Amino acid sequence: MSQDQNAPSLSSAVDTKIIPDLSALIVAEGFESASRAILNYLHQEFGFKLWMTTRTEGDDWIVLQAENHGYDLHEGRVYPWSETLCARMLYDEGPRAAPSVKDVAVYAEAPLCQSLPIGAYVGVPMMRGDGSFLGTLCAMDPDPQDVDVARLVPLMELLARLLGIVLDNELKAVAQQRLLERTLEAAQTDDLTGLLNRRGWEAGIALEAARVRRYGVAVCVLVVEIAPGAEVDDALVSRAASCMRICVRESDLLARIDGSEFAVLALECGAMGSERLGDKLKAALEAEGIPAAVGGAAFDPIDEISETVAQALEAKAMDRAQMIGA
């Protein structure tokens, strides 16, 4: 058993007096602060080396906050959702509490168990106010637990419900804020295309990078250069802008950052989505008779967004070299 020596046994009654205090904290401080307080409380009371709140986006499982006491894992880390124990828990393939993971075949065989030492697991879903899935509140320990881990589940379900509602409300508020920001972009707009200019692009990606770190939304950056090595006139630039505008979503950022160069920040789009969107942009432009070099990179929240842009530019330069060389 790997519980902290000072942590009370799970066999004792769960002290529910903490709930009113945590509820007040959630209302007063918001999701991130409440999440950290809850994870700290759960670790202090019930042990386990790792407590997390996570978010899922497509096939990405993103660690939002973590109370970590021994795992090689950082906040912002992304794992394939399909490889996690939480995915199996959500689809009722395994129990919400597994004091010995090796005794639950569907958990023991999960690919995540090959990269992380998981002897015990407990996890519950974190839902939006409308009942749709957001992520999980979960815990892991390298060693099996010889206590009644199942007694934790009702408390975790209540805390996850509170956190899910607050996170959902904050995400809705962010969406409204984005709409407001879009109405204030006139000074950051390219006159020829109506897209963001470089100033608008840099301001926009800085805002979104901060949101990604807080809420775990997967994003990627793509850079597109039209007609590499050729003269580009205003008509061609305008046609390319119109073509790309059709390919991206309203919530994405699309900018003209140089004479023949465009950039996209695609929200809720990880590494695989980046490749698909790059192919889509390139094919759409070529269908309009506009050759294009395209490069993309997924944003890792532990990096600076400028590093991701630089990676996308480097990938675009490689594609450009291949095109011109051909």
Protein backbone atom coordinates (compact mmCIF):
# COMPACT_ATOMS: atom_id res chain seq x y z
CA MET A 1 0.00 0.00 0.00
CA SER A 2 1.37 3.45 -0.91
CA GLN A 3 -0.92 5.81 0.95
CA ASP A 4 0.82 8.59 2.87
CA GLN A 5 1.31 7.53 6.48
CA ASN A 6 -0.51 10.58 7.79
CA ALA A 7 -3.56 10.06 5.55
CA PRO A 8 -6.64 8.59 7.28
CA SER A 9 -7.80 5.15 6.25
CA LEU A 10 -10.52 4.95 3.63
CA SER A 11 -12.25 2.48 5.88
CA SER A 12 -13.26 5.39 8.11
CA ALA A 13 -16.27 7.51 7.20
CA VAL A 14 -15.69 10.21 4.59
CA ASP A 15 -15.91 13.64 6.23
CA THR A 16 -18.55 15.40 4.16
CA LYS A 17 -18.20 18.64 6.17
CA ILE A 18 -15.63 19.67 3.56
CA ILE A 19 -18.35 19.93 0.85
CA PRO A 20 -19.86 23.31 1.85
CA ASP A 21 -16.39 24.85 2.09
CA LEU A 22 -15.36 23.53 -1.32
CA SER A 23 -18.66 24.63 -2.85
CA ALA A 24 -18.03 28.17 -1.64
CA LEU A 25 -14.49 28.04 -3.02
CA ILE A 26 -15.74 26.95 -6.43
CA VAL A 27 -18.16 29.87 -6.61
CA ALA A 28 -15.65 32.41 -5.32
CA GLU A 29 -12.45 31.34 -7.05
CA GLY A 30 -13.50 29.51 -10.21
CA PHE A 31 -12.47 26.21 -11.72
CA GLU A 32 -8.68 26.23 -11.54
CA SER A 33 -8.34 27.28 -7.90
CA ALA A 34 -11.15 24.98 -6.80
CA SER A 35 -9.67 22.09 -8.75
CA ARG A 36 -6.29 22.51 -7.07
CA ALA A 37 -7.89 22.76 -3.62
CA ILE A 38 -9.97 19.64 -4.21
CA LEU A 39 -7.02 17.61 -5.48
CA ASN A 40 -4.92 18.68 -2.50
CA TYR A 41 -7.74 17.79 -0.09
CA LEU A 42 -8.26 14.37 -1.66
CA HIS A 43 -4.54 13.59 -1.52
CA GLN A 44 -4.24 14.70 2.11
CA GLU A 45 -7.30 12.73 3.17
CA PHE A 46 -7.01 9.57 1.10
CA GLY A 47 -3.46 9.21 -0.14
CA PHE A 48 -2.71 8.12 -3.75
CA LYS A 49 0.41 9.52 -5.37
CA LEU A 50 -1.42 11.26 -8.22
CA TRP A 51 -4.74 13.12 -8.36
CA MET A 52 -5.86 14.83 -11.56
CA THR A 53 -8.57 16.76 -13.28
CA THR A 54 -8.46 16.01 -17.00
CA ARG A 55 -10.15 17.18 -20.18
CA THR A 56 -10.86 15.27 -23.39
CA GLU A 57 -10.82 16.78 -26.88
CA GLY A 58 -11.34 14.25 -29.66
CA ASP A 59 -8.76 11.54 -28.99
CA ASP A 60 -6.71 13.76 -26.68
CA TRP A 61 -6.72 13.26 -22.91
CA ILE A 62 -5.26 16.41 -21.38
CA VAL A 63 -4.05 16.83 -17.79
CA LEU A 64 -5.48 20.13 -16.53
CA GLN A 65 -4.39 20.14 -12.89
CA ALA A 66 -2.43 17.54 -10.96
CA GLU A 67 -1.52 16.84 -7.33
CA ASN A 68 1.56 14.81 -8.16
CA HIS A 69 3.79 13.07 -5.63
CA GLY A 70 6.02 10.77 -7.64
CA TYR A 71 4.80 10.35 -11.23
CA ASP A 72 6.74 11.49 -14.31
CA LEU A 73 3.86 13.63 -15.54
CA HIS A 74 3.22 17.36 -15.88
CA GLU A 75 0.16 19.54 -16.23
CA GLY A 76 -0.67 20.05 -19.90
CA ARG A 77 0.55 16.54 -20.78
CA VAL A 78 -1.53 14.95 -23.53
CA TYR A 79 -2.18 11.21 -23.87
CA PRO A 80 -4.35 9.33 -26.40
CA TRP A 81 -7.79 9.12 -24.78
CA SER A 82 -8.43 5.64 -26.17
CA GLU A 83 -5.37 4.32 -24.28
CA THR A 84 -6.44 5.50 -20.82
CA LEU A 85 -8.13 3.80 -17.89
CA CYS A 86 -10.57 6.71 -17.74
CA ALA A 87 -11.88 5.88 -21.22
CA ARG A 88 -12.61 2.34 -20.12
CA MET A 89 -14.26 3.64 -16.95
CA LEU A 90 -16.47 6.04 -18.91
CA TYR A 91 -17.72 3.30 -21.23
CA ASP A 92 -18.44 0.99 -18.26
CA GLU A 93 -15.78 -1.48 -19.31
CA GLY A 94 -14.15 -1.25 -15.88
CA PRO A 95 -15.18 -0.15 -12.37
CA ARG A 96 -14.79 3.39 -11.08
CA ALA A 97 -12.65 2.06 -8.24
CA ALA A 98 -9.92 -0.53 -8.79
CA PRO A 99 -7.77 -1.07 -5.65
CA SER A 100 -5.70 -3.57 -7.67
CA VAL A 101 -5.45 -2.70 -11.35
CA LYS A 102 -3.79 -6.00 -12.24
CA ASP A 103 -6.99 -7.77 -11.15
CA VAL A 104 -9.09 -5.83 -13.70
CA ALA A 105 -8.00 -7.13 -17.11
CA VAL A 106 -9.40 -4.23 -19.15
CA TYR A 107 -7.34 -1.81 -17.03
CA ALA A 108 -4.20 -3.92 -16.81
CA GLU A 109 -4.15 -4.20 -20.61
CA ALA A 110 -4.60 -0.46 -21.21
CA PRO A 111 -1.60 1.05 -23.05
CA LEU A 112 -1.32 3.78 -20.40
CA CYS A 113 -0.32 1.08 -17.90
CA GLN A 114 2.68 0.34 -20.08
CA SER A 115 4.00 3.90 -19.79
CA LEU A 116 2.94 4.72 -16.21
CA PRO A 117 3.13 2.45 -13.13
CA ILE A 118 -0.52 2.09 -12.08
CA GLY A 119 -1.24 -0.31 -9.23
CA ALA A 120 -4.52 1.30 -8.11
CA TYR A 121 -7.03 3.57 -9.84
CA VAL A 122 -10.20 5.47 -9.08
CA GLY A 123 -11.95 7.81 -11.52
CA VAL A 124 -15.31 9.45 -12.21
CA PRO A 125 -16.62 11.49 -15.17
CA MET A 126 -16.74 15.29 -15.12
CA MET A 127 -19.81 16.47 -17.03
CA ARG A 128 -21.21 19.70 -18.45
CA GLY A 129 -24.43 21.14 -17.09
CA ASP A 130 -26.34 19.51 -19.95
CA GLY A 131 -24.93 16.08 -19.12
CA SER A 132 -22.36 15.86 -21.93
CA PHE A 133 -18.85 14.62 -21.13
CA LEU A 134 -16.01 17.03 -20.34
CA GLY A 135 -13.26 15.03 -18.67
CA THR A 136 -12.49 13.16 -15.45
CA LEU A 137 -11.53 13.48 -11.82
CA CYS A 138 -9.21 10.56 -11.11
CA ALA A 139 -6.40 9.18 -8.98
CA MET A 140 -3.60 6.67 -9.47
CA ASP A 141 -0.98 5.03 -7.29
CA PRO A 142 1.96 2.82 -8.30
CA ASP A 143 0.96 0.21 -5.70
CA PRO A 144 -2.29 -1.64 -5.11
CA GLN A 145 -4.36 -0.33 -2.19
CA ASP A 146 -5.58 -2.65 0.58
CA VAL A 147 -8.43 -0.36 1.65
CA ASP A 148 -12.01 0.14 0.46
CA VAL A 149 -11.32 2.48 -2.45
CA ALA A 150 -14.95 2.25 -3.58
CA ARG A 151 -15.96 4.38 -0.58
CA LEU A 152 -14.32 7.32 -2.35
CA VAL A 153 -16.57 7.21 -5.41
CA PRO A 154 -19.69 9.05 -4.10
CA LEU A 155 -17.60 11.95 -2.80
CA MET A 156 -15.62 12.16 -6.05
CA GLU A 157 -18.83 12.09 -8.10
CA LEU A 158 -20.19 15.06 -6.16
CA LEU A 159 -16.96 17.03 -6.48
CA ALA A 160 -16.66 16.20 -10.18
CA ARG A 161 -20.24 17.38 -10.76
CA LEU A 162 -19.51 20.72 -9.09
CA LEU A 163 -16.26 21.17 -11.03
CA GLY A 164 -17.87 20.18 -14.33
CA ILE A 165 -20.63 22.76 -14.03
CA VAL A 166 -18.17 25.53 -13.19
CA LEU A 167 -15.79 24.56 -16.00
CA ASP A 168 -18.69 24.43 -18.45
CA ASN A 169 -19.81 27.92 -17.40
CA GLU A 170 -16.27 29.28 -17.71
CA LEU A 171 -15.88 27.78 -21.18
CA LYS A 172 -19.17 29.39 -22.24
CA ALA A 173 -17.96 32.73 -20.88
CA VAL A 174 -14.73 32.34 -22.86
CA ALA A 175 -16.73 31.69 -26.03
CA GLN A 176 -18.69 34.90 -25.44
CA GLN A 177 -15.48 36.80 -24.78
CA ARG A 178 -14.09 35.52 -28.07
CA LEU A 179 -17.10 36.90 -29.91
CA LEU A 180 -16.54 40.28 -28.26
CA GLU A 181 -12.88 40.22 -29.18
CA ARG A 182 -13.73 39.50 -32.82
CA THR A 183 -15.79 42.71 -32.92
CA LEU A 184 -12.80 44.75 -31.74
CA GLU A 185 -10.41 43.56 -34.44
CA ALA A 186 -10.89 46.38 -36.98
CA ALA A 187 -7.49 47.88 -36.16
CA GLN A 188 -5.95 44.44 -36.52
CA THR A 189 -7.41 43.62 -39.94
CA ASP A 190 -5.69 43.33 -43.30
CA ASP A 191 -7.28 45.84 -45.70
CA LEU A 192 -6.98 43.66 -48.81
CA THR A 193 -8.36 40.37 -47.48
CA GLY A 194 -10.36 41.34 -44.42
CA LEU A 195 -8.37 38.78 -42.41
CA LEU A 196 -6.34 39.52 -39.31
CA ASN A 197 -3.05 41.27 -40.00
CA ARG A 198 0.19 40.35 -38.25
CA ARG A 199 -0.63 42.54 -35.26
CA GLY A 200 -4.02 40.91 -34.87
CA TRP A 201 -2.51 37.46 -35.31
CA GLU A 202 0.08 37.96 -32.56
CA ALA A 203 -2.50 39.35 -30.14
CA GLY A 204 -4.93 36.53 -30.91
CA ILE A 205 -2.52 33.65 -30.46
CA ALA A 206 -1.24 35.10 -27.18
CA LEU A 207 -4.80 35.12 -25.80
CA GLU A 208 -5.55 31.60 -27.02
CA ALA A 209 -2.28 30.20 -25.64
CA ALA A 210 -3.26 31.41 -22.17
CA ARG A 211 -6.68 29.77 -22.53
CA VAL A 212 -5.14 26.51 -23.69
CA ARG A 213 -2.98 26.32 -20.57
CA ARG A 214 -5.99 26.88 -18.36
CA TYR A 215 -8.64 24.78 -20.04
CA GLY A 216 -6.70 22.13 -21.96
CA VAL A 217 -8.07 22.90 -25.43
CA ALA A 218 -5.93 21.28 -28.13
CA VAL A 219 -4.78 23.76 -30.80
CA CYS A 220 -2.41 23.78 -33.76
CA VAL A 221 -0.72 26.39 -35.94
CA LEU A 222 -0.46 26.22 -39.73
CA VAL A 223 1.47 28.53 -42.05
CA VAL A 224 0.57 28.73 -45.75
CA GLU A 225 2.63 30.40 -48.47
CA ILE A 226 0.84 30.78 -51.79
CA ALA A 227 2.66 30.54 -55.14
CA PRO A 228 6.13 29.94 -53.66
CA GLY A 229 8.88 31.57 -55.71
CA ALA A 230 6.44 33.41 -57.99
CA GLU A 231 5.12 36.96 -58.20
CA VAL A 232 1.87 37.38 -56.27
CA ASP A 233 -0.63 40.12 -57.07
CA ASP A 234 -3.60 41.42 -55.06
CA ALA A 235 -6.12 39.37 -57.03
CA LEU A 236 -4.32 36.12 -56.26
CA VAL A 237 -4.00 37.01 -52.57
CA SER A 238 -7.72 37.80 -52.39
CA ARG A 239 -8.68 34.53 -54.08
CA ALA A 240 -6.44 32.55 -51.73
CA ALA A 241 -7.90 34.28 -48.67
CA SER A 242 -11.45 33.51 -49.78
CA CYS A 243 -10.55 29.88 -50.40
CA MET A 244 -8.93 29.43 -46.99
CA ARG A 245 -11.76 31.20 -45.18
CA ILE A 246 -14.10 28.46 -46.40
CA CYS A 247 -11.77 25.74 -45.07
CA VAL A 248 -11.50 26.98 -41.47
CA ARG A 249 -14.16 27.35 -38.80
CA GLU A 250 -15.50 30.66 -37.51
CA SER A 251 -13.83 30.09 -34.14
CA ASP A 252 -10.37 29.60 -35.72
CA LEU A 253 -7.92 32.45 -36.28
CA LEU A 254 -6.99 33.10 -39.92
CA ALA A 255 -4.49 35.86 -40.70
CA ARG A 256 -2.41 37.31 -43.51
CA ILE A 257 0.96 37.70 -41.84
CA ASP A 258 3.03 38.68 -44.89
CA GLY A 259 2.54 39.48 -48.57
CA SER A 260 1.93 35.89 -49.71
CA GLU A 261 1.89 34.17 -46.32
CA PHE A 262 -1.09 33.22 -44.19
CA ALA A 263 -1.41 31.61 -40.75
CA VAL A 264 -4.14 29.61 -39.03
CA LEU A 265 -4.66 28.87 -35.35
CA ALA A 266 -7.11 25.96 -35.28
CA LEU A 267 -8.93 25.39 -31.97
CA GLU A 268 -9.75 21.92 -30.65
CA CYS A 269 -7.33 20.50 -33.20
CA GLY A 270 -4.33 18.40 -32.14
CA ALA A 271 -1.44 16.92 -34.10
CA MET A 272 -3.58 14.61 -36.25
CA GLY A 273 -6.08 17.38 -36.90
CA SER A 274 -3.24 19.69 -37.91
CA GLU A 275 -2.12 17.31 -40.64
CA ARG A 276 -5.67 16.88 -41.93
CA LEU A 277 -6.33 20.62 -41.98
CA GLY A 278 -3.03 21.27 -43.76
CA ASP A 279 -3.95 18.74 -46.45
CA LYS A 280 -7.42 20.28 -46.75
CA LEU A 281 -6.04 23.82 -47.21
CA LYS A 282 -3.46 22.72 -49.76
CA ALA A 283 -5.98 20.71 -51.79
CA ALA A 284 -8.53 23.54 -51.77
CA LEU A 285 -5.98 26.08 -52.96
CA GLU A 286 -4.62 23.79 -55.67
CA ALA A 287 -8.19 23.17 -56.85
CA GLU A 288 -8.35 26.94 -57.43
CA GLY A 289 -5.08 26.84 -59.39
CA ILE A 290 -3.05 28.27 -56.50
CA PRO A 291 0.04 26.25 -55.54
CA ALA A 292 0.84 26.44 -51.84
CA ALA A 293 3.50 25.35 -49.35
CA VAL A 294 1.98 24.37 -45.99
CA GLY A 295 3.49 23.56 -42.60
CA GLY A 296 1.84 22.81 -39.28
CA ALA A 297 2.63 22.13 -35.63
CA ALA A 298 0.57 21.24 -32.56
CA PHE A 299 0.87 23.55 -29.56
CA ASP A 300 2.28 21.99 -26.38
CA PRO A 301 1.10 24.06 -23.37
CA ILE A 302 4.53 23.79 -21.72
CA ASP A 303 6.06 25.70 -24.67
CA GLU A 304 5.67 29.29 -25.80
CA ILE A 305 3.23 29.81 -28.67
CA SER A 306 6.04 31.52 -30.60
CA GLU A 307 7.91 28.20 -30.60
CA THR A 308 4.93 26.48 -32.21
CA VAL A 309 4.73 29.21 -34.87
CA ALA A 310 8.45 28.76 -35.54
CA GLN A 311 7.96 24.99 -35.93
CA ALA A 312 5.11 25.58 -38.39
CA LEU A 313 7.26 28.04 -40.37
CA GLU A 314 10.07 25.48 -40.49
CA ALA A 315 7.69 22.78 -41.73
CA LYS A 316 6.35 25.18 -44.36
CA ALA A 317 9.90 26.01 -45.49
CA MET A 318 10.60 22.30 -45.99
CA ASP A 319 7.43 21.90 -48.06
CA ARG A 320 8.40 24.99 -50.08
CA ALA A 321 11.86 23.61 -50.79
CA GLN A 322 10.38 20.36 -52.03
CA MET A 323 7.95 22.21 -54.31
CA ILE A 324 10.58 24.48 -55.84
CA GLY A 325 13.08 21.65 -56.10
CA ALA A 326 10.50 19.55 -57.91
